[in-house]
N, C-alpha and C. Protein backbone atom coordinates (compact mmCIF):
# COMPACT_ATOMS: atom_id res chain seq x y z
N MET A 1 -85.69 21.05 -99.46
CA MET A 1 -84.66 22.17 -99.72
C MET A 1 -83.53 21.57 -98.47
N ASN A 2 -82.18 21.56 -99.21
CA ASN A 2 -81.06 21.02 -98.21
C ASN A 2 -80.71 22.43 -97.22
N HIS A 3 -80.20 22.01 -95.73
CA HIS A 3 -79.62 22.82 -95.18
C HIS A 3 -78.32 22.42 -94.60
N LEU A 4 -77.68 23.56 -94.01
CA LEU A 4 -75.94 23.17 -93.52
C LEU A 4 -76.73 23.20 -92.24
N TYR A 5 -76.21 22.08 -91.37
CA TYR A 5 -76.38 22.28 -89.81
C TYR A 5 -74.78 21.98 -89.28
N ALA A 6 -74.70 22.73 -88.29
CA ALA A 6 -73.58 22.63 -87.41
C ALA A 6 -73.82 21.84 -86.15
N ILE A 7 -73.16 20.55 -86.11
CA ILE A 7 -73.28 19.57 -84.94
C ILE A 7 -72.27 19.57 -83.99
N ALA A 8 -72.48 20.06 -82.78
CA ALA A 8 -71.22 19.86 -81.59
C ALA A 8 -71.23 18.50 -81.24
N ILE A 9 -70.01 17.83 -81.13
CA ILE A 9 -70.16 16.37 -80.66
C ILE A 9 -69.16 16.46 -79.55
N GLY A 10 -69.82 15.85 -78.68
CA GLY A 10 -68.62 15.70 -77.50
C GLY A 10 -68.72 14.25 -76.74
N SER A 11 -67.81 13.84 -76.15
CA SER A 11 -68.02 12.68 -75.42
C SER A 11 -66.84 12.45 -73.97
N ASN A 12 -66.98 11.71 -73.17
CA ASN A 12 -66.23 11.82 -71.88
C ASN A 12 -66.29 10.51 -71.21
N ARG A 13 -66.96 9.23 -72.14
CA ARG A 13 -66.87 8.03 -71.32
C ARG A 13 -66.38 7.21 -72.67
N PRO A 14 -65.54 6.16 -72.24
CA PRO A 14 -65.25 5.42 -73.18
C PRO A 14 -66.16 4.34 -73.70
N HIS A 15 -65.88 3.89 -75.02
CA HIS A 15 -67.11 2.75 -75.52
C HIS A 15 -66.14 1.92 -75.93
N GLY A 16 -67.05 0.42 -75.92
CA GLY A 16 -66.79 -0.80 -75.78
C GLY A 16 -65.88 -1.05 -77.19
N ARG A 17 -66.72 -0.15 -78.64
CA ARG A 17 -65.91 -0.70 -79.61
C ARG A 17 -65.22 0.60 -80.28
N HIS A 18 -65.61 1.87 -79.68
CA HIS A 18 -64.78 2.68 -80.22
C HIS A 18 -63.61 3.34 -79.38
N GLY A 19 -63.41 2.75 -77.89
CA GLY A 19 -62.49 3.10 -77.23
C GLY A 19 -62.56 4.45 -76.37
N ARG A 20 -61.46 5.27 -76.33
CA ARG A 20 -61.64 6.42 -75.74
C ARG A 20 -62.24 7.69 -76.24
N PRO A 21 -62.65 8.36 -75.68
CA PRO A 21 -63.65 9.61 -76.16
C PRO A 21 -63.00 10.02 -77.39
N THR A 22 -61.83 10.26 -77.59
CA THR A 22 -61.58 10.79 -78.97
C THR A 22 -62.04 9.70 -80.34
N GLY A 23 -61.87 8.31 -79.80
CA GLY A 23 -62.17 7.43 -80.81
C GLY A 23 -63.81 7.59 -81.10
N VAL A 24 -64.55 7.81 -80.20
CA VAL A 24 -66.06 7.75 -79.89
C VAL A 24 -66.44 8.94 -80.80
N VAL A 25 -65.64 10.22 -80.55
CA VAL A 25 -66.13 11.45 -81.62
C VAL A 25 -65.54 10.98 -83.08
N GLU A 26 -64.61 10.57 -83.19
CA GLU A 26 -64.07 10.17 -84.83
C GLU A 26 -65.22 9.24 -85.44
N ALA A 27 -65.71 8.28 -84.53
CA ALA A 27 -66.78 7.22 -85.10
C ALA A 27 -68.29 8.40 -85.25
N ALA A 28 -68.49 9.03 -84.41
CA ALA A 28 -69.61 9.91 -84.49
C ALA A 28 -69.54 10.85 -85.91
N ILE A 29 -68.03 11.19 -86.23
CA ILE A 29 -68.03 12.10 -87.22
C ILE A 29 -68.32 11.20 -88.70
N ALA A 30 -67.69 9.75 -88.46
CA ALA A 30 -67.90 8.74 -89.73
C ALA A 30 -69.61 8.28 -89.75
N ARG A 31 -70.23 8.42 -88.52
CA ARG A 31 -71.65 8.09 -88.68
C ARG A 31 -72.42 9.07 -89.16
N LEU A 32 -71.83 10.51 -88.95
CA LEU A 32 -72.78 11.92 -89.45
C LEU A 32 -72.69 11.62 -90.83
N ASP A 33 -71.63 11.51 -91.41
CA ASP A 33 -70.78 11.36 -92.63
C ASP A 33 -71.74 10.58 -93.39
N ARG A 34 -72.11 9.25 -92.78
CA ARG A 34 -72.76 8.11 -93.43
C ARG A 34 -74.42 8.45 -93.75
N ASP A 35 -74.76 8.82 -92.80
CA ASP A 35 -76.44 9.36 -92.56
C ASP A 35 -76.73 10.49 -93.23
N PHE A 36 -75.80 11.36 -93.23
CA PHE A 36 -76.39 12.87 -93.80
C PHE A 36 -75.72 13.62 -95.11
N GLY A 37 -74.41 13.24 -94.86
CA GLY A 37 -73.52 13.62 -96.01
C GLY A 37 -72.38 14.84 -95.25
N LEU A 38 -71.44 14.52 -95.07
CA LEU A 38 -70.53 15.36 -94.51
C LEU A 38 -69.87 16.42 -95.21
N PHE A 39 -70.28 17.57 -94.80
CA PHE A 39 -69.84 18.76 -95.40
C PHE A 39 -68.38 19.35 -94.87
N ASP A 40 -68.11 19.26 -93.89
CA ASP A 40 -66.73 19.30 -93.13
C ASP A 40 -66.77 19.09 -91.61
N ALA A 41 -65.50 18.87 -91.06
CA ALA A 41 -65.37 18.22 -89.83
C ALA A 41 -64.24 18.96 -89.21
N SER A 42 -64.42 19.52 -87.99
CA SER A 42 -63.42 20.21 -87.31
C SER A 42 -62.18 19.26 -86.80
N PRO A 43 -61.00 19.56 -86.44
CA PRO A 43 -60.17 18.90 -85.44
C PRO A 43 -60.86 18.22 -84.15
N ILE A 44 -60.35 17.60 -83.55
CA ILE A 44 -61.17 17.07 -82.20
C ILE A 44 -60.04 17.72 -81.30
N VAL A 45 -60.54 18.26 -80.29
CA VAL A 45 -60.03 18.87 -79.17
C VAL A 45 -60.35 18.21 -77.80
N LEU A 46 -59.48 18.28 -77.11
CA LEU A 46 -59.55 17.94 -75.61
C LEU A 46 -59.85 19.29 -74.66
N ASN A 47 -61.01 18.97 -73.64
CA ASN A 47 -61.40 19.67 -72.83
C ASN A 47 -61.74 19.65 -71.58
N ALA A 48 -61.31 20.32 -70.54
CA ALA A 48 -61.59 19.87 -69.07
C ALA A 48 -62.95 19.87 -68.77
N ALA A 49 -63.66 18.85 -68.02
CA ALA A 49 -65.07 18.39 -67.71
C ALA A 49 -65.44 19.80 -67.11
N HIS A 50 -66.92 19.97 -67.42
CA HIS A 50 -67.65 21.36 -66.73
C HIS A 50 -68.81 20.51 -66.08
N GLY A 51 -69.02 21.64 -64.97
CA GLY A 51 -70.30 20.79 -63.93
C GLY A 51 -69.49 19.64 -63.17
N GLY A 52 -70.69 18.63 -63.18
CA GLY A 52 -70.21 17.48 -62.45
C GLY A 52 -69.99 16.26 -63.47
N ALA A 53 -69.45 16.56 -64.54
CA ALA A 53 -69.18 15.65 -65.58
C ALA A 53 -68.03 14.64 -65.18
N GLY A 54 -67.19 15.10 -64.49
CA GLY A 54 -65.98 14.45 -63.66
C GLY A 54 -64.91 14.28 -64.71
N ARG A 55 -64.95 13.71 -65.76
CA ARG A 55 -63.89 13.19 -67.01
C ARG A 55 -64.02 14.31 -67.77
N ASP A 56 -62.69 14.56 -68.29
CA ASP A 56 -62.28 15.46 -69.51
C ASP A 56 -63.14 14.91 -70.92
N PHE A 57 -63.50 15.88 -71.76
CA PHE A 57 -63.95 15.58 -73.11
C PHE A 57 -63.27 15.65 -74.26
N ALA A 58 -63.67 14.83 -74.80
CA ALA A 58 -63.08 15.31 -76.46
C ALA A 58 -64.19 15.66 -77.19
N ASN A 59 -64.01 16.97 -78.03
CA ASN A 59 -65.19 17.77 -78.66
C ASN A 59 -64.57 17.80 -80.17
N ALA A 60 -65.65 18.13 -80.93
CA ALA A 60 -65.65 18.21 -82.49
C ALA A 60 -66.80 18.95 -82.70
N VAL A 61 -66.57 19.58 -84.01
CA VAL A 61 -68.08 19.90 -84.56
C VAL A 61 -67.83 19.44 -86.12
N ALA A 62 -69.23 19.03 -86.53
CA ALA A 62 -69.52 18.64 -87.87
C ALA A 62 -70.54 19.48 -88.57
N ILE A 63 -70.10 19.79 -89.78
CA ILE A 63 -71.34 20.14 -90.50
C ILE A 63 -71.63 19.50 -91.63
N VAL A 64 -73.01 19.11 -91.51
CA VAL A 64 -73.87 18.06 -92.40
C VAL A 64 -74.83 18.99 -93.21
N GLU A 65 -74.99 18.20 -94.33
CA GLU A 65 -76.19 19.01 -95.11
C GLU A 65 -77.19 17.90 -95.03
N SER A 66 -78.51 18.59 -94.89
CA SER A 66 -79.87 17.51 -94.94
C SER A 66 -81.07 18.29 -95.30
N ASP A 67 -81.96 17.74 -95.61
CA ASP A 67 -83.04 18.19 -96.13
C ASP A 67 -84.32 18.09 -94.63
N LEU A 68 -83.76 17.39 -93.87
CA LEU A 68 -84.78 17.43 -92.73
C LEU A 68 -84.83 18.75 -91.97
N ASP A 69 -85.79 19.10 -91.57
CA ASP A 69 -86.08 20.06 -90.44
C ASP A 69 -85.42 19.87 -89.30
N PRO A 70 -84.97 20.90 -88.49
CA PRO A 70 -84.26 21.05 -87.32
C PRO A 70 -84.86 19.96 -86.24
N LEU A 71 -86.20 19.59 -86.09
CA LEU A 71 -86.53 18.66 -85.37
C LEU A 71 -86.56 17.27 -85.66
N GLU A 72 -86.71 16.93 -86.95
CA GLU A 72 -86.63 15.81 -87.51
C GLU A 72 -85.11 15.48 -87.35
N LEU A 73 -84.14 16.51 -87.55
CA LEU A 73 -82.77 16.09 -87.41
C LEU A 73 -82.42 15.90 -86.09
N LEU A 74 -83.03 16.67 -85.09
CA LEU A 74 -82.66 16.32 -83.78
C LEU A 74 -83.24 14.73 -83.16
N ALA A 75 -84.07 14.52 -83.67
CA ALA A 75 -84.55 13.12 -83.40
C ALA A 75 -83.91 12.11 -83.92
N GLN A 76 -83.21 12.30 -85.09
CA GLN A 76 -82.17 11.05 -85.67
C GLN A 76 -80.77 11.32 -84.93
N LEU A 77 -80.35 12.60 -84.38
CA LEU A 77 -79.20 12.67 -83.84
C LEU A 77 -79.27 11.81 -82.31
N LYS A 78 -80.62 12.34 -81.78
CA LYS A 78 -80.71 11.49 -80.41
C LYS A 78 -80.72 9.87 -80.48
N ALA A 79 -81.16 9.29 -81.82
CA ALA A 79 -81.28 8.09 -82.12
C ALA A 79 -79.79 7.56 -82.19
N VAL A 80 -78.95 8.33 -82.54
CA VAL A 80 -77.52 7.87 -82.67
C VAL A 80 -76.99 7.79 -81.46
N GLU A 81 -77.18 9.09 -80.92
CA GLU A 81 -76.52 8.97 -79.35
C GLU A 81 -77.15 7.53 -78.64
N GLY A 82 -78.19 7.12 -78.71
CA GLY A 82 -78.96 5.87 -78.22
C GLY A 82 -78.10 4.67 -78.57
N GLU A 83 -77.86 4.42 -80.06
CA GLU A 83 -76.83 3.50 -80.78
C GLU A 83 -75.43 3.47 -79.99
N PHE A 84 -74.98 4.52 -79.73
CA PHE A 84 -73.73 4.62 -79.08
C PHE A 84 -73.68 4.37 -77.59
N GLY A 85 -74.89 4.14 -77.07
CA GLY A 85 -75.09 3.99 -75.69
C GLY A 85 -75.50 4.84 -74.73
N ARG A 86 -75.92 6.09 -75.22
CA ARG A 86 -75.99 7.27 -74.29
C ARG A 86 -77.44 6.87 -73.64
N ARG A 87 -77.71 7.17 -72.03
CA ARG A 87 -78.61 6.71 -71.63
C ARG A 87 -78.94 8.25 -71.09
N ARG A 88 -80.04 8.89 -70.79
CA ARG A 88 -80.60 9.82 -70.37
C ARG A 88 -80.10 10.12 -68.66
N GLY A 89 -79.67 11.02 -68.06
CA GLY A 89 -79.37 11.11 -66.69
C GLY A 89 -79.27 12.10 -66.25
N ARG A 90 -78.12 12.48 -65.24
CA ARG A 90 -77.56 13.90 -64.95
C ARG A 90 -77.54 14.74 -66.37
N ARG A 91 -77.80 15.71 -65.80
CA ARG A 91 -77.73 16.76 -66.95
C ARG A 91 -76.06 17.11 -67.40
N TRP A 92 -75.31 17.09 -66.37
CA TRP A 92 -73.96 17.35 -66.43
C TRP A 92 -73.13 16.13 -66.53
N GLY A 93 -73.63 15.01 -66.58
CA GLY A 93 -73.35 13.84 -66.27
C GLY A 93 -72.15 13.08 -67.22
N ALA A 94 -71.70 12.23 -66.73
CA ALA A 94 -70.49 11.72 -67.82
C ALA A 94 -71.53 11.13 -69.16
N ARG A 95 -71.01 10.92 -70.28
CA ARG A 95 -71.84 10.62 -71.49
C ARG A 95 -70.99 9.88 -72.49
N VAL A 96 -71.56 9.02 -73.16
CA VAL A 96 -70.30 8.21 -74.23
C VAL A 96 -70.51 9.14 -75.42
N LEU A 97 -71.96 10.02 -75.39
CA LEU A 97 -71.70 10.56 -76.91
C LEU A 97 -73.02 11.81 -76.79
N ASP A 98 -72.39 13.11 -77.17
CA ASP A 98 -73.74 14.05 -77.40
C ASP A 98 -73.50 14.79 -78.44
N LEU A 99 -74.66 15.09 -79.23
CA LEU A 99 -74.74 15.73 -80.48
C LEU A 99 -75.72 16.75 -80.26
N ASP A 100 -75.47 18.03 -80.59
CA ASP A 100 -76.37 19.22 -80.27
C ASP A 100 -76.27 20.12 -81.63
N ILE A 101 -77.31 20.39 -82.25
CA ILE A 101 -77.39 21.18 -83.20
C ILE A 101 -77.08 22.75 -82.71
N VAL A 102 -76.06 23.35 -83.20
CA VAL A 102 -75.74 24.42 -82.54
C VAL A 102 -75.82 25.69 -83.63
N LEU A 103 -76.16 25.46 -84.94
CA LEU A 103 -76.53 26.39 -86.22
C LEU A 103 -77.02 25.62 -87.15
N TRP A 104 -77.85 26.31 -87.79
CA TRP A 104 -78.18 25.68 -89.23
C TRP A 104 -78.35 27.06 -89.99
N SER A 105 -78.29 26.53 -91.15
CA SER A 105 -78.52 27.69 -92.55
C SER A 105 -79.73 28.36 -92.71
N GLY A 106 -80.71 27.81 -91.79
CA GLY A 106 -82.40 28.57 -91.83
C GLY A 106 -82.27 29.67 -91.05
N GLY A 107 -81.41 29.91 -90.28
CA GLY A 107 -81.04 31.10 -89.39
C GLY A 107 -81.83 30.80 -87.85
N LYS A 108 -82.57 31.38 -87.38
CA LYS A 108 -83.20 31.23 -85.75
C LYS A 108 -84.38 30.37 -86.04
N PHE A 109 -84.37 29.23 -84.83
CA PHE A 109 -85.35 28.36 -84.70
C PHE A 109 -85.77 28.11 -83.48
N ARG A 110 -86.97 28.12 -83.05
CA ARG A 110 -87.40 27.79 -81.82
C ARG A 110 -88.75 27.00 -81.54
N GLN A 111 -88.55 25.78 -81.23
CA GLN A 111 -89.76 25.12 -81.12
C GLN A 111 -89.53 23.68 -80.35
N ARG A 112 -90.58 23.49 -79.61
CA ARG A 112 -90.44 22.17 -78.79
C ARG A 112 -89.18 21.79 -78.14
N GLY A 113 -88.58 22.73 -77.57
CA GLY A 113 -87.28 22.53 -76.63
C GLY A 113 -86.28 22.70 -77.42
N LEU A 114 -86.21 23.14 -78.69
CA LEU A 114 -84.83 23.12 -79.50
C LEU A 114 -84.69 24.60 -79.81
N THR A 115 -83.71 25.12 -79.24
CA THR A 115 -83.31 26.50 -79.88
C THR A 115 -82.19 26.74 -80.69
N ILE A 116 -82.36 27.24 -82.13
CA ILE A 116 -80.82 27.36 -82.62
C ILE A 116 -81.10 28.81 -82.95
N PRO A 117 -79.57 29.68 -83.03
CA PRO A 117 -78.33 29.05 -82.43
C PRO A 117 -78.79 28.63 -80.98
N HIS A 118 -77.77 27.71 -80.90
CA HIS A 118 -77.77 26.93 -79.37
C HIS A 118 -77.56 28.15 -78.38
N ARG A 119 -78.41 28.00 -77.48
CA ARG A 119 -78.40 29.07 -76.43
C ARG A 119 -77.30 29.63 -75.78
N ALA A 120 -76.18 28.15 -75.53
CA ALA A 120 -75.11 28.60 -74.87
C ALA A 120 -73.83 28.72 -75.84
N LEU A 121 -74.29 28.76 -77.32
CA LEU A 121 -72.85 28.79 -78.12
C LEU A 121 -71.93 29.82 -77.82
N ALA A 122 -72.55 31.01 -77.67
CA ALA A 122 -71.47 32.16 -77.26
C ALA A 122 -70.66 32.09 -76.15
N THR A 123 -70.85 31.14 -75.25
CA THR A 123 -70.22 30.96 -73.82
C THR A 123 -69.32 29.61 -73.90
N ARG A 124 -69.28 28.88 -74.93
CA ARG A 124 -68.77 27.54 -74.93
C ARG A 124 -67.40 27.49 -75.89
N SER A 125 -66.35 27.68 -75.29
CA SER A 125 -64.97 27.65 -76.08
C SER A 125 -64.90 26.20 -76.89
N PHE A 126 -65.57 25.27 -75.94
CA PHE A 126 -65.22 23.74 -76.67
C PHE A 126 -66.00 23.53 -77.83
N VAL A 127 -67.21 24.34 -78.27
CA VAL A 127 -67.76 24.51 -79.44
C VAL A 127 -67.25 25.56 -80.41
N LEU A 128 -66.88 26.53 -79.69
CA LEU A 128 -66.76 27.67 -80.78
C LEU A 128 -65.28 27.50 -81.49
N GLN A 129 -64.09 27.25 -80.60
CA GLN A 129 -62.95 26.80 -81.24
C GLN A 129 -63.05 25.86 -82.50
N PRO A 130 -63.61 24.72 -82.46
CA PRO A 130 -63.37 23.86 -83.45
C PRO A 130 -64.61 24.36 -84.50
N LEU A 131 -65.70 25.03 -84.10
CA LEU A 131 -66.39 25.69 -85.02
C LEU A 131 -65.89 26.72 -86.00
N ALA A 132 -65.10 27.41 -85.45
CA ALA A 132 -63.97 28.53 -85.85
C ALA A 132 -63.03 27.95 -86.85
N ALA A 133 -62.37 26.69 -86.72
CA ALA A 133 -61.82 26.18 -87.46
C ALA A 133 -62.17 25.88 -88.71
N ILE A 134 -63.69 25.56 -88.74
CA ILE A 134 -64.27 25.08 -90.15
C ILE A 134 -65.21 26.18 -90.69
N ALA A 135 -65.52 26.88 -89.91
CA ALA A 135 -66.88 27.76 -90.63
C ALA A 135 -66.54 29.26 -89.84
N PRO A 136 -65.41 30.01 -89.75
CA PRO A 136 -65.15 31.32 -89.14
C PRO A 136 -66.03 32.12 -89.42
N GLY A 137 -66.49 32.15 -90.85
CA GLY A 137 -67.31 33.42 -91.19
C GLY A 137 -69.03 33.30 -91.04
N TRP A 138 -69.42 32.00 -90.60
CA TRP A 138 -70.81 31.81 -90.23
C TRP A 138 -71.30 32.73 -89.15
N ARG A 139 -72.28 33.70 -89.76
CA ARG A 139 -73.02 34.72 -89.11
C ARG A 139 -74.03 33.99 -88.13
N VAL A 140 -73.98 34.53 -86.61
CA VAL A 140 -74.79 34.01 -85.77
C VAL A 140 -75.84 34.79 -85.26
N GLU A 141 -75.69 35.56 -84.16
CA GLU A 141 -76.71 36.63 -83.98
C GLU A 141 -76.17 38.13 -84.04
N GLY A 142 -77.09 38.81 -84.43
CA GLY A 142 -76.73 40.11 -84.40
C GLY A 142 -75.70 40.57 -85.57
N GLY A 143 -75.34 39.50 -86.47
CA GLY A 143 -74.34 39.48 -87.40
C GLY A 143 -73.10 39.48 -87.03
N LEU A 144 -72.85 38.74 -85.96
CA LEU A 144 -71.60 38.60 -85.60
C LEU A 144 -71.23 36.96 -86.00
N SER A 145 -70.02 37.08 -86.39
CA SER A 145 -69.55 35.64 -87.00
C SER A 145 -68.82 34.59 -85.71
N VAL A 146 -68.78 33.59 -86.13
CA VAL A 146 -68.32 32.59 -85.27
C VAL A 146 -67.00 32.99 -84.81
N ARG A 147 -66.02 33.54 -85.93
CA ARG A 147 -64.91 33.84 -85.61
C ARG A 147 -64.69 34.91 -84.59
N HIS A 148 -65.76 35.93 -84.52
CA HIS A 148 -65.76 36.91 -83.65
C HIS A 148 -66.07 36.47 -82.15
N LEU A 149 -67.17 35.68 -82.32
CA LEU A 149 -67.61 35.20 -80.88
C LEU A 149 -66.42 34.34 -80.34
N ALA A 150 -65.61 33.62 -81.00
CA ALA A 150 -64.71 32.75 -80.45
C ALA A 150 -63.60 33.83 -79.92
N HIS A 151 -63.37 34.84 -80.74
CA HIS A 151 -62.24 35.95 -80.25
C HIS A 151 -62.60 36.51 -79.00
N ARG A 152 -63.75 36.88 -78.82
CA ARG A 152 -64.59 37.50 -77.72
C ARG A 152 -64.39 36.82 -76.44
N LEU A 153 -64.83 35.66 -76.46
CA LEU A 153 -64.83 34.71 -75.57
C LEU A 153 -63.42 34.38 -74.94
N ALA A 154 -62.23 34.31 -75.71
CA ALA A 154 -60.90 33.93 -75.59
C ALA A 154 -60.28 35.15 -74.85
N ARG A 155 -60.90 36.36 -75.42
CA ARG A 155 -60.35 37.59 -74.68
C ARG A 155 -60.95 37.52 -73.42
N ARG A 156 -62.20 37.42 -73.18
CA ARG A 156 -63.01 37.48 -71.84
C ARG A 156 -62.09 36.29 -71.01
N ALA A 157 -61.81 35.08 -71.29
CA ALA A 157 -60.92 34.07 -70.49
C ALA A 157 -59.58 34.51 -70.07
N ARG A 158 -58.88 35.34 -71.06
CA ARG A 158 -57.63 35.83 -70.66
C ARG A 158 -57.62 37.08 -69.43
N ARG A 159 -58.74 37.60 -69.49
CA ARG A 159 -59.07 38.80 -68.42
C ARG A 159 -59.40 38.29 -67.24
N GLY A 160 -60.25 37.22 -67.32
CA GLY A 160 -60.76 36.67 -66.05
C GLY A 160 -60.00 35.81 -65.17
């Protein structure tokens, strides 16, 4: 059975072949299309670094279709990160490529360290903004849509 997956894509380190982080994100989108079949991809947005990452990020979200279960897809995504030169290190450190499953059409999932929807989805504008551009009506938790979560987070940011 095929499922749709929303994959958050981020980069804040240049790559020898793909160039600046925006080029890395573009190459990652092309790779997801080749490997899984791209359903849609958001525009790339530039965001200030969080935590100790140091450099600003290029972010996007791609929706792919796959018959893999979430853990199998995660393993494939981690292999792609490795091929792009990602090495495990500091949690908030600079990275060539970060691929995270944030939603899937199968609803909630929690197993072996993977939680879908992504635990921090509702607090990450750098994921919600691009996701809302391509899947605003996707229902997340408690029946709230991506559009609703993005609007709520933006309203909090304006107040805060």
